[in-house]
Amino acid sequence: MRAIWKGAVSFGLVSIGVKLYSATEEKDIRFHQVHREDGGRIRYKRTCQVCGEEVSYDDIAKGYDIGGGEMVILTDEDFADLPLTSSRAIDVLEFVPAEQVDPILYNKAYFLEPEGTATKPYLLLRDALADSERVAIVKVALRQREQLATLRVREGVLLLNTMLWPDEIRKPAFGFLDEDLKIRPPELAMATSLVDSMAGDFHSDEFTDDYRAALQEVIDAKVEGREVVQPEEVEEAPAAAVDLMAALKASVERARAARGEGGAAEPTPISSARSAQQKAAKAPAKKATAKKAASKKAESARKAADTKAEGAKKAQKKVTTKKAAPKKAARKTA
């Protein structure tokens, strides 16, 4: 990874030199616009709307439209005079419980690496955040703009999450919020049962980008000159249910069946992955159980054979005793 920013975390009177790295990367397949006939790249020229001439980057400035066709032009000097006191510092403002930060505020994520001799104070701040179960609210200037952000610990590394400002979050002004619709208790109970039947733990590696994989397969096939294999048909979304309770009940039964609590049902991708993991985990135990059962069966067979042999021996002894009885009686009479 390549550092995109260098600065320091200001933690009280402690300054921690750090490097900033992008913590995420987009995996989308990117395309270029090309001429359909010969595959040539499509280029765009920067032209002025007033004079029609092509303009170089050096002659381009930033303009703010104030309406009515008027434009206010800002130069680099105008931006240089703006008060960015934290231009090369991450100033810790306060420490708050993580659950108090609404996830909708999170924007970009960056890893922080200690620089030079800053490793020990870096680890000190990391461990203090982990022990307190809090996140640090900070301010940082990135790309000529001051941003609000949080510092938290992820896999032993400090993670900086830039945040949107509160006035950048839109209000959900939807009409249905003003409607007086009542949810019946049986409907709520059935919906809660559906949630419970589909409950589980989140494992990110169970989810894959199927569209990107299919698109990459198409590209690879074209490169190698082979036939493109058509992907499996995607199950269509069910139509809107007329009877809500019937739809909820059917959904609960299907979810339970997918988890092995009822009859057979079409498994979902997540249930299939979980079933495979459970089957792999149970395989050694199942093998051991079968081996134990076979051993137990052999032991039972051996005991049965011994019992049978013992019975035969007793029967033989009894017959011998009966034969000897008349002889003993005759001897006694004589």
C-alpha atoms as a PDB file:
ATOM      1  CA  MET A   1       0.000   0.000   0.000  1.00  0.00           C
ATOM      2  CA  ARG A   2       1.072   3.574  -0.603  1.00  0.00           C
ATOM      3  CA  ALA A   3       0.607   6.274   2.030  1.00  0.00           C
ATOM      4  CA  ILE A   4      -1.675   9.072   0.856  1.00  0.00           C
ATOM      5  CA  TRP A   5      -1.125  11.442   3.804  1.00  0.00           C
ATOM      6  CA  LYS A   6       1.350  12.047   6.598  1.00  0.00           C
ATOM      7  CA  GLY A   7       0.701  13.893   9.817  1.00  0.00           C
ATOM      8  CA  ALA A   8       0.233  13.405  13.543  1.00  0.00           C
ATOM      9  CA  VAL A   9      -2.502  12.411  15.960  1.00  0.00           C
ATOM     10  CA  SER A  10      -2.781  15.036  18.679  1.00  0.00           C
ATOM     11  CA  PHE A  11      -3.720  13.128  21.842  1.00  0.00           C
ATOM     12  CA  GLY A  12      -3.676  15.649  24.713  1.00  0.00           C
ATOM     13  CA  LEU A  13      -0.023  16.726  24.967  1.00  0.00           C
ATOM     14  CA  VAL A  14       1.087  13.611  23.081  1.00  0.00           C
ATOM     15  CA  SER A  15       1.800  13.791  19.358  1.00  0.00           C
ATOM     16  CA  ILE A  16       1.825  10.532  17.379  1.00  0.00           C
ATOM     17  CA  GLY A  17       3.334  10.616  13.905  1.00  0.00           C
ATOM     18  CA  VAL A  18       1.257   8.518  11.494  1.00  0.00           C
ATOM     19  CA  LYS A  19       0.835   7.616   7.843  1.00  0.00           C
ATOM     20  CA  LEU A  20      -2.595   7.309   6.266  1.00  0.00           C
ATOM     21  CA  TYR A  21      -3.582   4.467   3.915  1.00  0.00           C
ATOM     22  CA  SER A  22      -6.882   3.745   2.156  1.00  0.00           C
ATOM     23  CA  ALA A  23      -8.496   0.850   4.006  1.00  0.00           C
ATOM     24  CA  THR A  24     -10.841  -0.145   1.163  1.00  0.00           C
ATOM     25  CA  GLU A  25     -10.670  -0.610  -2.593  1.00  0.00           C
ATOM     26  CA  GLU A  26     -13.389  -0.894  -5.192  1.00  0.00           C
ATOM     27  CA  LYS A  27     -13.546  -4.158  -7.109  1.00  0.00           C
ATOM     28  CA  ASP A  28     -15.891  -2.948  -9.851  1.00  0.00           C
ATOM     29  CA  ILE A  29     -14.852  -3.843 -13.401  1.00  0.00           C
ATOM     30  CA  ARG A  30     -14.136  -0.573 -15.199  1.00  0.00           C
ATOM     31  CA  PHE A  31     -14.684   0.112 -18.894  1.00  0.00           C
ATOM     32  CA  HIS A  32     -13.485   2.754 -21.354  1.00  0.00           C
ATOM     33  CA  GLN A  33     -15.673   4.451 -23.890  1.00  0.00           C
ATOM     34  CA  VAL A  34     -14.518   3.322 -27.350  1.00  0.00           C
ATOM     35  CA  HIS A  35     -15.541   3.653 -30.981  1.00  0.00           C
ATOM     36  CA  ARG A  36     -17.757   0.652 -31.796  1.00  0.00           C
ATOM     37  CA  GLU A  37     -16.238   0.173 -35.283  1.00  0.00           C
ATOM     38  CA  ASP A  38     -12.489   0.242 -34.581  1.00  0.00           C
ATOM     39  CA  GLY A  39     -12.206   0.203 -30.754  1.00  0.00           C
ATOM     40  CA  GLY A  40     -10.492   3.599 -30.558  1.00  0.00           C
ATOM     41  CA  ARG A  41     -10.643   5.424 -27.204  1.00  0.00           C
ATOM     42  CA  ILE A  42     -13.058   8.340 -26.952  1.00  0.00           C
ATOM     43  CA  ARG A  43     -11.382  11.545 -25.751  1.00  0.00           C
ATOM     44  CA  TYR A  44     -12.989  14.754 -24.547  1.00  0.00           C
ATOM     45  CA  LYS A  45     -11.684  18.255 -24.977  1.00  0.00           C
ATOM     46  CA  ARG A  46     -12.033  20.999 -22.373  1.00  0.00           C
ATOM     47  CA  THR A  47     -13.609  23.861 -24.266  1.00  0.00           C
ATOM     48  CA  CYS A  48     -14.909  27.215 -23.091  1.00  0.00           C
ATOM     49  CA  GLN A  49     -18.639  27.719 -23.522  1.00  0.00           C
ATOM     50  CA  VAL A  50     -18.152  31.447 -24.225  1.00  0.00           C
ATOM     51  CA  CYS A  51     -15.268  31.577 -26.718  1.00  0.00           C
ATOM     52  CA  GLY A  52     -15.298  27.935 -27.857  1.00  0.00           C
ATOM     53  CA  GLU A  53     -11.513  27.548 -27.465  1.00  0.00           C
ATOM     54  CA  GLU A  54      -9.802  24.547 -25.872  1.00  0.00           C
ATOM     55  CA  VAL A  55      -8.560  25.355 -22.339  1.00  0.00           C
ATOM     56  CA  SER A  56      -5.505  23.875 -20.591  1.00  0.00           C
ATOM     57  CA  TYR A  57      -5.485  22.814 -16.921  1.00  0.00           C
ATOM     58  CA  ASP A  58      -3.399  25.871 -15.966  1.00  0.00           C
ATOM     59  CA  ASP A  59      -6.148  28.199 -17.131  1.00  0.00           C
ATOM     60  CA  ILE A  60      -8.958  26.451 -15.294  1.00  0.00           C
ATOM     61  CA  ALA A  61     -10.304  27.941 -12.033  1.00  0.00           C
ATOM     62  CA  LYS A  62     -13.196  27.094  -9.735  1.00  0.00           C
ATOM     63  CA  GLY A  63     -16.442  29.004 -10.170  1.00  0.00           C
ATOM     64  CA  TYR A  64     -19.552  29.239  -7.979  1.00  0.00           C
ATOM     65  CA  ASP A  65     -22.869  29.789  -9.760  1.00  0.00           C
ATOM     66  CA  ILE A  66     -24.933  32.405  -7.938  1.00  0.00           C
ATOM     67  CA  GLY A  67     -27.792  32.206 -10.427  1.00  0.00           C
ATOM     68  CA  GLY A  68     -28.910  34.416 -13.263  1.00  0.00           C
ATOM     69  CA  GLY A  69     -25.887  33.437 -15.349  1.00  0.00           C
ATOM     70  CA  GLU A  70     -23.439  35.073 -12.922  1.00  0.00           C
ATOM     71  CA  MET A  71     -20.345  33.204 -11.722  1.00  0.00           C
ATOM     72  CA  VAL A  72     -17.976  33.964  -8.829  1.00  0.00           C
ATOM     73  CA  ILE A  73     -14.425  32.834  -9.659  1.00  0.00           C
ATOM     74  CA  LEU A  74     -12.165  31.565  -6.838  1.00  0.00           C
ATOM     75  CA  THR A  75      -8.400  31.263  -7.219  1.00  0.00           C
ATOM     76  CA  ASP A  76      -5.813  29.155  -5.377  1.00  0.00           C
ATOM     77  CA  GLU A  77      -5.013  32.183  -3.201  1.00  0.00           C
ATOM     78  CA  ASP A  78      -8.616  32.324  -2.016  1.00  0.00           C
ATOM     79  CA  PHE A  79      -8.431  28.708  -0.818  1.00  0.00           C
ATOM     80  CA  ALA A  80      -5.012  29.231   0.769  1.00  0.00           C
ATOM     81  CA  ASP A  81      -6.464  31.872   3.126  1.00  0.00           C
ATOM     82  CA  LEU A  82      -9.102  29.519   4.548  1.00  0.00           C
ATOM     83  CA  PRO A  83      -8.616  28.556   8.244  1.00  0.00           C
ATOM     84  CA  LEU A  84      -7.392  24.954   8.119  1.00  0.00           C
ATOM     85  CA  THR A  85      -5.633  24.788  11.481  1.00  0.00           C
ATOM     86  CA  SER A  86      -5.503  20.979  11.395  1.00  0.00           C
ATOM     87  CA  SER A  87      -3.871  20.751   7.967  1.00  0.00           C
ATOM     88  CA  ARG A  88      -1.337  18.157   9.124  1.00  0.00           C
ATOM     89  CA  ALA A  89      -2.868  17.013  12.409  1.00  0.00           C
ATOM     90  CA  ILE A  90      -5.621  14.692  13.586  1.00  0.00           C
ATOM     91  CA  ASP A  91      -6.986  16.519  16.622  1.00  0.00           C
ATOM     92  CA  VAL A  92      -8.774  14.320  19.168  1.00  0.00           C
ATOM     93  CA  LEU A  93     -11.825  16.225  20.448  1.00  0.00           C
ATOM     94  CA  GLU A  94     -13.467  13.690  22.769  1.00  0.00           C
ATOM     95  CA  PHE A  95     -14.070   9.991  23.409  1.00  0.00           C
ATOM     96  CA  VAL A  96     -17.628   8.665  23.077  1.00  0.00           C
ATOM     97  CA  PRO A  97     -19.358   5.245  23.192  1.00  0.00           C
ATOM     98  CA  ALA A  98     -19.275   3.632  19.741  1.00  0.00           C
ATOM     99  CA  GLU A  99     -23.037   2.916  19.733  1.00  0.00           C
ATOM    100  CA  GLN A 100     -23.762   6.659  19.926  1.00  0.00           C
ATOM    101  CA  VAL A 101     -22.329   7.230  16.423  1.00  0.00           C
ATOM    102  CA  ASP A 102     -24.986   6.579  13.772  1.00  0.00           C
ATOM    103  CA  PRO A 103     -23.483   4.377  10.988  1.00  0.00           C
ATOM    104  CA  ILE A 104     -25.123   6.600   8.347  1.00  0.00           C
ATOM    105  CA  LEU A 105     -22.507   9.240   9.176  1.00  0.00           C
ATOM    106  CA  TYR A 106     -19.549   7.046   8.146  1.00  0.00           C
ATOM    107  CA  ASN A 107     -17.960   7.839   4.779  1.00  0.00           C
ATOM    108  CA  LYS A 108     -14.384   6.670   3.966  1.00  0.00           C
ATOM    109  CA  ALA A 109     -12.077   4.381   5.934  1.00  0.00           C
ATOM    110  CA  TYR A 110      -8.284   4.714   6.351  1.00  0.00           C
ATOM    111  CA  PHE A 111      -5.629   2.718   8.214  1.00  0.00           C
ATOM    112  CA  LEU A 112      -3.135   4.557  10.419  1.00  0.00           C
ATOM    113  CA  GLU A 113       0.462   3.334  10.676  1.00  0.00           C
ATOM    114  CA  PRO A 114       2.913   4.709  13.258  1.00  0.00           C
ATOM    115  CA  GLU A 115       5.873   6.546  11.789  1.00  0.00           C
ATOM    116  CA  GLY A 116       9.409   6.496  13.171  1.00  0.00           C
ATOM    117  CA  THR A 117       9.542   6.424  16.961  1.00  0.00           C
ATOM    118  CA  ALA A 118       5.784   6.891  17.384  1.00  0.00           C
ATOM    119  CA  THR A 119       5.052   3.166  17.791  1.00  0.00           C
ATOM    120  CA  LYS A 120       4.819   3.180  21.612  1.00  0.00           C
ATOM    121  CA  PRO A 121       2.383   6.130  21.951  1.00  0.00           C
ATOM    122  CA  TYR A 122       0.447   4.665  19.007  1.00  0.00           C
ATOM    123  CA  LEU A 123       0.040   1.367  20.877  1.00  0.00           C
ATOM    124  CA  LEU A 124      -0.841   3.268  24.041  1.00  0.00           C
ATOM    125  CA  LEU A 125      -3.718   5.077  22.319  1.00  0.00           C
ATOM    126  CA  ARG A 126      -4.837   1.852  20.619  1.00  0.00           C
ATOM    127  CA  ASP A 127      -4.986  -0.123  23.866  1.00  0.00           C
ATOM    128  CA  ALA A 128      -6.681   2.740  25.727  1.00  0.00           C
ATOM    129  CA  LEU A 129      -9.425   2.866  23.074  1.00  0.00           C
ATOM    130  CA  ALA A 130      -9.875  -0.905  23.209  1.00  0.00           C
ATOM    131  CA  ASP A 131     -10.085  -1.012  27.013  1.00  0.00           C
ATOM    132  CA  SER A 132     -12.522   1.889  27.235  1.00  0.00           C
ATOM    133  CA  GLU A 133     -14.754   0.512  24.444  1.00  0.00           C
ATOM    134  CA  ARG A 134     -15.019   4.030  23.037  1.00  0.00           C
ATOM    135  CA  VAL A 135     -14.141   5.796  19.786  1.00  0.00           C
ATOM    136  CA  ALA A 136     -12.298   9.075  19.441  1.00  0.00           C
ATOM    137  CA  ILE A 137     -14.054  11.970  17.689  1.00  0.00           C
ATOM    138  CA  VAL A 138     -11.421  13.864  15.690  1.00  0.00           C
ATOM    139  CA  LYS A 139     -11.034  16.590  13.079  1.00  0.00           C
ATOM    140  CA  VAL A 140      -8.703  16.179  10.106  1.00  0.00           C
ATOM    141  CA  ALA A 141      -8.020  18.103   6.888  1.00  0.00           C
ATOM    142  CA  LEU A 142      -7.949  15.879   3.794  1.00  0.00           C
ATOM    143  CA  ARG A 143      -7.902  17.107   0.197  1.00  0.00           C
ATOM    144  CA  GLN A 144      -8.189  20.756   1.222  1.00  0.00           C
ATOM    145  CA  ARG A 145     -11.271  20.178   3.333  1.00  0.00           C
ATOM    146  CA  GLU A 146     -11.732  19.806   7.085  1.00  0.00           C
ATOM    147  CA  GLN A 147     -13.653  16.667   7.996  1.00  0.00           C
ATOM    148  CA  LEU A 148     -15.134  15.113  11.096  1.00  0.00           C
ATOM    149  CA  ALA A 149     -13.953  11.554  11.739  1.00  0.00           C
ATOM    150  CA  THR A 150     -13.666   8.774  14.301  1.00  0.00           C
ATOM    151  CA  LEU A 151     -10.697   6.735  15.470  1.00  0.00           C
ATOM    152  CA  ARG A 152     -11.318   3.138  16.502  1.00  0.00           C
ATOM    153  CA  VAL A 153      -9.426  -0.154  16.667  1.00  0.00           C
ATOM    154  CA  ARG A 154      -9.745  -2.868  14.024  1.00  0.00           C
ATOM    155  CA  GLU A 155      -7.530  -5.973  14.009  1.00  0.00           C
ATOM    156  CA  GLY A 156      -4.891  -4.264  16.130  1.00  0.00           C
ATOM    157  CA  VAL A 157      -4.680  -1.151  13.917  1.00  0.00           C
ATOM    158  CA  LEU A 158      -6.133   2.335  14.377  1.00  0.00           C
ATOM    159  CA  LEU A 159      -8.836   2.971  11.785  1.00  0.00           C
ATOM    160  CA  LEU A 160      -9.881   6.482  10.756  1.00  0.00           C
ATOM    161  CA  ASN A 161     -13.468   6.788   9.502  1.00  0.00           C
ATOM    162  CA  THR A 162     -14.287  10.136   7.934  1.00  0.00           C
ATOM    163  CA  MET A 163     -17.844  11.242   8.559  1.00  0.00           C
ATOM    164  CA  LEU A 164     -20.521  13.299   6.898  1.00  0.00           C
ATOM    165  CA  TRP A 165     -21.596  16.463   8.655  1.00  0.00           C
ATOM    166  CA  PRO A 166     -25.069  16.268  10.257  1.00  0.00           C
ATOM    167  CA  ASP A 167     -26.549  18.753   7.770  1.00  0.00           C
ATOM    168  CA  GLU A 168     -25.483  16.443   4.912  1.00  0.00           C
ATOM    169  CA  ILE A 169     -27.940  13.744   6.026  1.00  0.00           C
ATOM    170  CA  ARG A 170     -31.294  14.044   4.297  1.00  0.00           C
ATOM    171  CA  LYS A 171     -34.579  13.859   6.170  1.00  0.00           C
ATOM    172  CA  PRO A 172     -36.821  10.903   5.171  1.00  0.00           C
ATOM    173  CA  ALA A 173     -39.949  12.950   4.422  1.00  0.00           C
ATOM    174  CA  PHE A 174     -42.203  10.195   3.033  1.00  0.00           C
ATOM    175  CA  GLY A 175     -45.963  10.324   2.893  1.00  0.00           C
ATOM    176  CA  PHE A 176     -46.603   6.946   4.508  1.00  0.00           C
ATOM    177  CA  LEU A 177     -45.154   8.251   7.799  1.00  0.00           C
ATOM    178  CA  ASP A 178     -48.249  10.453   8.195  1.00  0.00           C
ATOM    179  CA  GLU A 179     -50.725   7.656   7.424  1.00  0.00           C
ATOM    180  CA  ASP A 180     -52.662   6.093  10.286  1.00  0.00           C
ATOM    181  CA  LEU A 181     -52.038   2.400   9.601  1.00  0.00           C
ATOM    182  CA  LYS A 182     -52.391  -0.082  12.449  1.00  0.00           C
ATOM    183  CA  ILE A 183     -50.368  -3.284  12.680  1.00  0.00           C
ATOM    184  CA  ARG A 184     -52.387  -6.113  14.222  1.00  0.00           C
ATOM    185  CA  PRO A 185     -50.698  -8.097  17.048  1.00  0.00           C
ATOM    186  CA  PRO A 186     -50.947 -11.449  15.163  1.00  0.00           C
ATOM    187  CA  GLU A 187     -49.205  -9.901  12.143  1.00  0.00           C
ATOM    188  CA  LEU A 188     -46.448  -8.509  14.339  1.00  0.00           C
ATOM    189  CA  ALA A 189     -46.053 -11.858  16.109  1.00  0.00           C
ATOM    190  CA  MET A 190     -45.780 -13.705  12.787  1.00  0.00           C
ATOM    191  CA  ALA A 191     -43.277 -11.169  11.430  1.00  0.00           C
ATOM    192  CA  THR A 192     -41.221 -11.521  14.627  1.00  0.00           C
ATOM    193  CA  SER A 193     -41.330 -15.307  14.216  1.00  0.00           C
ATOM    194  CA  LEU A 194     -40.023 -14.915  10.658  1.00  0.00           C
ATOM    195  CA  VAL A 195     -37.158 -12.761  11.928  1.00  0.00           C
ATOM    196  CA  ASP A 196     -36.319 -15.347  14.591  1.00  0.00           C
ATOM    197  CA  SER A 197     -36.393 -18.204  12.071  1.00  0.00           C
ATOM    198  CA  MET A 198     -33.907 -16.341   9.831  1.00  0.00           C
ATOM    199  CA  ALA A 199     -31.650 -15.111  12.647  1.00  0.00           C
ATOM    200  CA  GLY A 200     -27.910 -15.833  12.537  1.00  0.00           C
ATOM    201  CA  ASP A 201     -24.428 -14.384  12.923  1.00  0.00           C
ATOM    202  CA  PHE A 202     -22.935 -12.140  10.242  1.00  0.00           C
ATOM    203  CA  HIS A 203     -19.936 -13.592   8.398  1.00  0.00           C
ATOM    204  CA  SER A 204     -18.852 -11.353   5.524  1.00  0.00           C
ATOM    205  CA  ASP A 205     -17.023 -14.153   3.682  1.00  0.00           C
ATOM    206  CA  GLU A 206     -20.374 -15.880   3.042  1.00  0.00           C
ATOM    207  CA  PHE A 207     -21.349 -13.132   0.580  1.00  0.00           C
ATOM    208  CA  THR A 208     -19.959 -12.834  -2.956  1.00  0.00           C
ATOM    209  CA  ASP A 209     -20.429 -10.450  -5.874  1.00  0.00           C
ATOM    210  CA  ASP A 210     -22.081 -12.867  -8.327  1.00  0.00           C
ATOM    211  CA  TYR A 211     -22.636 -10.190 -10.983  1.00  0.00           C
ATOM    212  CA  ARG A 212     -18.964  -9.217 -11.064  1.00  0.00           C
ATOM    213  CA  ALA A 213     -17.906 -12.883 -11.284  1.00  0.00           C
ATOM    214  CA  ALA A 214     -20.299 -13.482 -14.196  1.00  0.00           C
ATOM    215  CA  LEU A 215     -19.112 -10.328 -15.966  1.00  0.00           C
ATOM    216  CA  GLN A 216     -15.460 -11.359 -15.516  1.00  0.00           C
ATOM    217  CA  GLU A 217     -16.328 -14.771 -16.996  1.00  0.00           C
ATOM    218  CA  VAL A 218     -17.776 -13.061 -20.078  1.00  0.00           C
ATOM    219  CA  ILE A 219     -14.618 -10.945 -20.483  1.00  0.00           C
ATOM    220  CA  ASP A 220     -12.303 -13.950 -20.034  1.00  0.00           C
ATOM    221  CA  ALA A 221     -14.306 -15.939 -22.571  1.00  0.00           C
ATOM    222  CA  LYS A 222     -14.004 -13.157 -25.134  1.00  0.00           C
ATOM    223  CA  VAL A 223     -10.243 -12.878 -24.528  1.00  0.00           C
ATOM    224  CA  GLU A 224      -9.747 -16.651 -24.955  1.00  0.00           C
ATOM    225  CA  GLY A 225     -12.138 -16.881 -27.908  1.00  0.00           C
ATOM    226  CA  ARG A 226     -14.360 -19.504 -26.308  1.00  0.00           C
ATOM    227  CA  GLU A 227     -18.111 -19.732 -25.926  1.00  0.00           C
ATOM    228  CA  VAL A 228     -19.633 -17.792 -23.095  1.00  0.00           C
ATOM    229  CA  VAL A 229     -21.376 -20.031 -20.560  1.00  0.00           C
ATOM    230  CA  GLN A 230     -24.758 -18.604 -19.703  1.00  0.00           C
ATOM    231  CA  PRO A 231     -25.199 -18.056 -15.948  1.00  0.00           C
ATOM    232  CA  GLU A 232     -27.954 -19.834 -14.077  1.00  0.00           C
ATOM    233  CA  GLU A 233     -31.351 -18.194 -14.158  1.00  0.00           C
ATOM    234  CA  VAL A 234     -31.950 -15.892 -11.233  1.00  0.00           C
ATOM    235  CA  GLU A 235     -35.086 -16.589  -9.251  1.00  0.00           C
ATOM    236  CA  GLU A 236     -37.666 -13.907  -9.881  1.00  0.00           C
ATOM    237  CA  ALA A 237     -38.935 -11.865  -6.981  1.00  0.00           C
ATOM    238  CA  PRO A 238     -42.353 -13.049  -5.779  1.00  0.00           C
ATOM    239  CA  ALA A 239     -45.381 -10.933  -6.565  1.00  0.00           C
ATOM    240  CA  ALA A 240     -46.869  -8.719  -3.892  1.00  0.00           C
ATOM    241  CA  ALA A 241     -48.801 -10.852  -1.423  1.00  0.00           C
ATOM    242  CA  VAL A 242     -52.546 -10.367  -1.196  1.00  0.00           C
ATOM    243  CA  ASP A 243     -52.902 -12.141   2.152  1.00  0.00           C
ATOM    244  CA  LEU A 244     -50.141 -10.784   4.410  1.00  0.00           C
ATOM    245  CA  MET A 245     -50.595 -13.408   7.141  1.00  0.00           C
ATOM    246  CA  ALA A 246     -50.502 -16.269   4.633  1.00  0.00           C
ATOM    247  CA  ALA A 247     -47.325 -14.883   3.088  1.00  0.00           C
ATOM    248  CA  LEU A 248     -45.703 -14.498   6.510  1.00  0.00           C
ATOM    249  CA  LYS A 249     -46.673 -18.030   7.530  1.00  0.00           C
ATOM    250  CA  ALA A 250     -45.327 -19.502   4.287  1.00  0.00           C
ATOM    251  CA  SER A 251     -42.108 -17.523   4.728  1.00  0.00           C
ATOM    252  CA  VAL A 252     -41.645 -18.832   8.281  1.00  0.00           C
ATOM    253  CA  GLU A 253     -42.193 -22.431   7.123  1.00  0.00           C
ATOM    254  CA  ARG A 254     -39.739 -22.009   4.262  1.00  0.00           C
ATOM    255  CA  ALA A 255     -37.087 -20.450   6.503  1.00  0.00           C
ATOM    256  CA  ARG A 256     -37.453 -23.228   9.079  1.00  0.00           C
ATOM    257  CA  ALA A 257     -37.271 -25.885   6.392  1.00  0.00           C
ATOM    258  CA  ALA A 258     -34.115 -24.286   4.995  1.00  0.00           C
ATOM    259  CA  ARG A 259     -32.570 -24.535   8.470  1.00  0.00           C
ATOM    260  CA  GLY A 260     -33.510 -28.220   8.708  1.00  0.00           C
ATOM    261  CA  GLU A 261     -36.409 -27.698  11.107  1.00  0.00           C
ATOM    262  CA  GLY A 262     -39.103 -28.925   8.736  1.00  0.00           C
ATOM    263  CA  GLY A 263     -39.669 -30.366   5.276  1.00  0.00           C
ATOM    264  CA  ALA A 264     -37.399 -29.863   2.276  1.00  0.00           C
ATOM    265  CA  ALA A 265     -37.169 -26.377   0.801  1.00  0.00           C
ATOM    266  CA  GLU A 266     -35.017 -24.526  -1.675  1.00  0.00           C
ATOM    267  CA  PRO A 267     -31.858 -23.472   0.159  1.00  0.00           C
ATOM    268  CA  THR A 268     -30.707 -19.880   0.003  1.00  0.00           C
ATOM    269  CA  PRO A 269     -27.020 -19.050  -0.740  1.00  0.00           C
ATOM    270  CA  ILE A 270     -26.410 -18.295   2.939  1.00  0.00           C
ATOM    271  CA  SER A 271     -28.211 -21.390   4.188  1.00  0.00           C
ATOM    272  CA  SER A 272     -26.267 -23.487   1.663  1.00  0.00           C
ATOM    273  CA  ALA A 273     -22.970 -22.071   2.892  1.00  0.00           C
ATOM    274  CA  ARG A 274     -23.947 -22.657   6.514  1.00  0.00           C
ATOM    275  CA  SER A 275     -25.110 -26.209   5.732  1.00  0.00           C
ATOM    276  CA  ALA A 276     -21.768 -26.944   4.082  1.00  0.00           C
ATOM    277  CA  GLN A 277     -19.898 -25.579   7.107  1.00  0.00           C
ATOM    278  CA  GLN A 278     -22.069 -27.585   9.522  1.00  0.00           C
ATOM    279  CA  LYS A 279     -21.650 -30.743   7.431  1.00  0.00           C
ATOM    280  CA  ALA A 280     -17.878 -30.299   7.366  1.00  0.00           C
ATOM    281  CA  ALA A 281     -17.847 -29.762  11.134  1.00  0.00           C
ATOM    282  CA  LYS A 282     -20.038 -32.818  11.784  1.00  0.00           C
ATOM    283  CA  ALA A 283     -18.110 -35.165   9.448  1.00  0.00           C
ATOM    284  CA  PRO A 284     -15.375 -36.137  11.974  1.00  0.00           C
ATOM    285  CA  ALA A 285     -17.958 -36.564  14.752  1.00  0.00           C
ATOM    286  CA  LYS A 286     -20.148 -38.662  12.465  1.00  0.00           C
ATOM    287  CA  LYS A 287     -17.195 -40.854  11.510  1.00  0.00           C
ATOM    288  CA  ALA A 288     -16.264 -41.337  15.154  1.00  0.00           C
ATOM    289  CA  THR A 289     -19.885 -42.192  16.004  1.00  0.00           C
ATOM    290  CA  ALA A 290     -20.026 -44.786  13.207  1.00  0.00           C
ATOM    291  CA  LYS A 291     -16.746 -46.307  14.361  1.00  0.00           C
ATOM    292  CA  LYS A 292     -18.042 -46.441  17.942  1.00  0.00           C
ATOM    293  CA  ALA A 293     -21.296 -48.039  16.795  1.00  0.00           C
ATOM    294  CA  ALA A 294     -19.398 -50.688  14.802  1.00  0.00           C
ATOM    295  CA  SER A 295     -17.224 -51.442  17.818  1.00  0.00           C
ATOM    296  CA  LYS A 296     -20.268 -51.680  20.040  1.00  0.00           C
ATOM    297  CA  LYS A 297     -21.975 -53.998  17.569  1.00  0.00           C
ATOM    298  CA  ALA A 298     -18.914 -56.285  17.424  1.00  0.00           C
ATOM    299  CA  GLU A 299     -18.787 -56.365  21.223  1.00  0.00           C
ATOM    300  CA  SER A 300     -22.493 -57.304  21.380  1.00  0.00           C
ATOM    301  CA  ALA A 301     -21.937 -60.075  18.812  1.00  0.00           C
ATOM    302  CA  ARG A 302     -19.011 -61.432  20.828  1.00  0.00           C
ATOM    303  CA  LYS A 303     -21.063 -61.422  24.039  1.00  0.00           C
ATOM    304  CA  ALA A 304     -23.939 -63.174  22.259  1.00  0.00           C
ATOM    305  CA  ALA A 305     -21.564 -65.843  20.965  1.00  0.00           C
ATOM    306  CA  ASP A 306     -20.130 -66.340  24.443  1.00  0.00           C
ATOM    307  CA  THR A 307     -23.637 -66.607  25.917  1.00  0.00           C
ATOM    308  CA  LYS A 308     -24.626 -69.125  23.264  1.00  0.00           C
ATOM    309  CA  ALA A 309     -21.500 -71.213  23.892  1.00  0.00           C
ATOM    310  CA  GLU A 310     -22.123 -71.106  27.629  1.00  0.00           C
ATOM    311  CA  GLY A 311     -25.711 -72.240  27.081  1.00  0.00           C
ATOM    312  CA  ALA A 312     -24.585 -75.101  24.869  1.00  0.00           C
ATOM    313  CA  LYS A 313     -22.052 -76.180  27.487  1.00  0.00           C
ATOM    314  CA  LYS A 314     -24.692 -76.213  30.245  1.00  0.00           C
ATOM    315  CA  ALA A 315     -27.088 -78.169  28.025  1.00  0.00           C
ATOM    316  CA  GLN A 316     -24.393 -80.767  27.300  1.00  0.00           C
ATOM    317  CA  LYS A 317     -23.648 -81.097  31.015  1.00  0.00           C
ATOM    318  CA  LYS A 318     -27.324 -81.614  31.771  1.00  0.00           C
ATOM    319  CA  VAL A 319     -27.614 -84.406  29.204  1.00  0.00           C
ATOM    320  CA  THR A 320     -24.547 -86.148  30.661  1.00  0.00           C
ATOM    321  CA  THR A 321     -26.074 -85.930  34.146  1.00  0.00           C
ATOM    322  CA  LYS A 322     -29.332 -87.535  32.941  1.00  0.00           C
ATOM    323  CA  LYS A 323     -27.436 -90.460  31.374  1.00  0.00           C
ATOM    324  CA  ALA A 324     -25.473 -91.067  34.572  1.00  0.00           C
ATOM    325  CA  ALA A 325     -28.636 -91.129  36.788  1.00  0.00           C
ATOM    326  CA  PRO A 326     -29.946 -94.686  35.772  1.00  0.00           C
ATOM    327  CA  LYS A 327     -26.532 -96.247  36.280  1.00  0.00           C
ATOM    328  CA  LYS A 328     -26.328 -94.760  39.755  1.00  0.00           C
ATOM    329  CA  ALA A 329     -29.817 -96.076  40.624  1.00  0.00           C
ATOM    330  CA  ALA A 330     -28.983 -99.624  39.385  1.00  0.00           C
ATOM    331  CA  ARG A 331     -25.779 -99.663  41.389  1.00  0.00           C
ATOM    332  CA  LYS A 332     -27.718 -98.608  44.494  1.00  0.00           C
ATOM    333  CA  THR A 333     -30.317-101.415  44.048  1.00  0.00           C
ATOM    334  CA  ALA A 334     -27.646-104.101  43.665  1.00  0.00           C
END
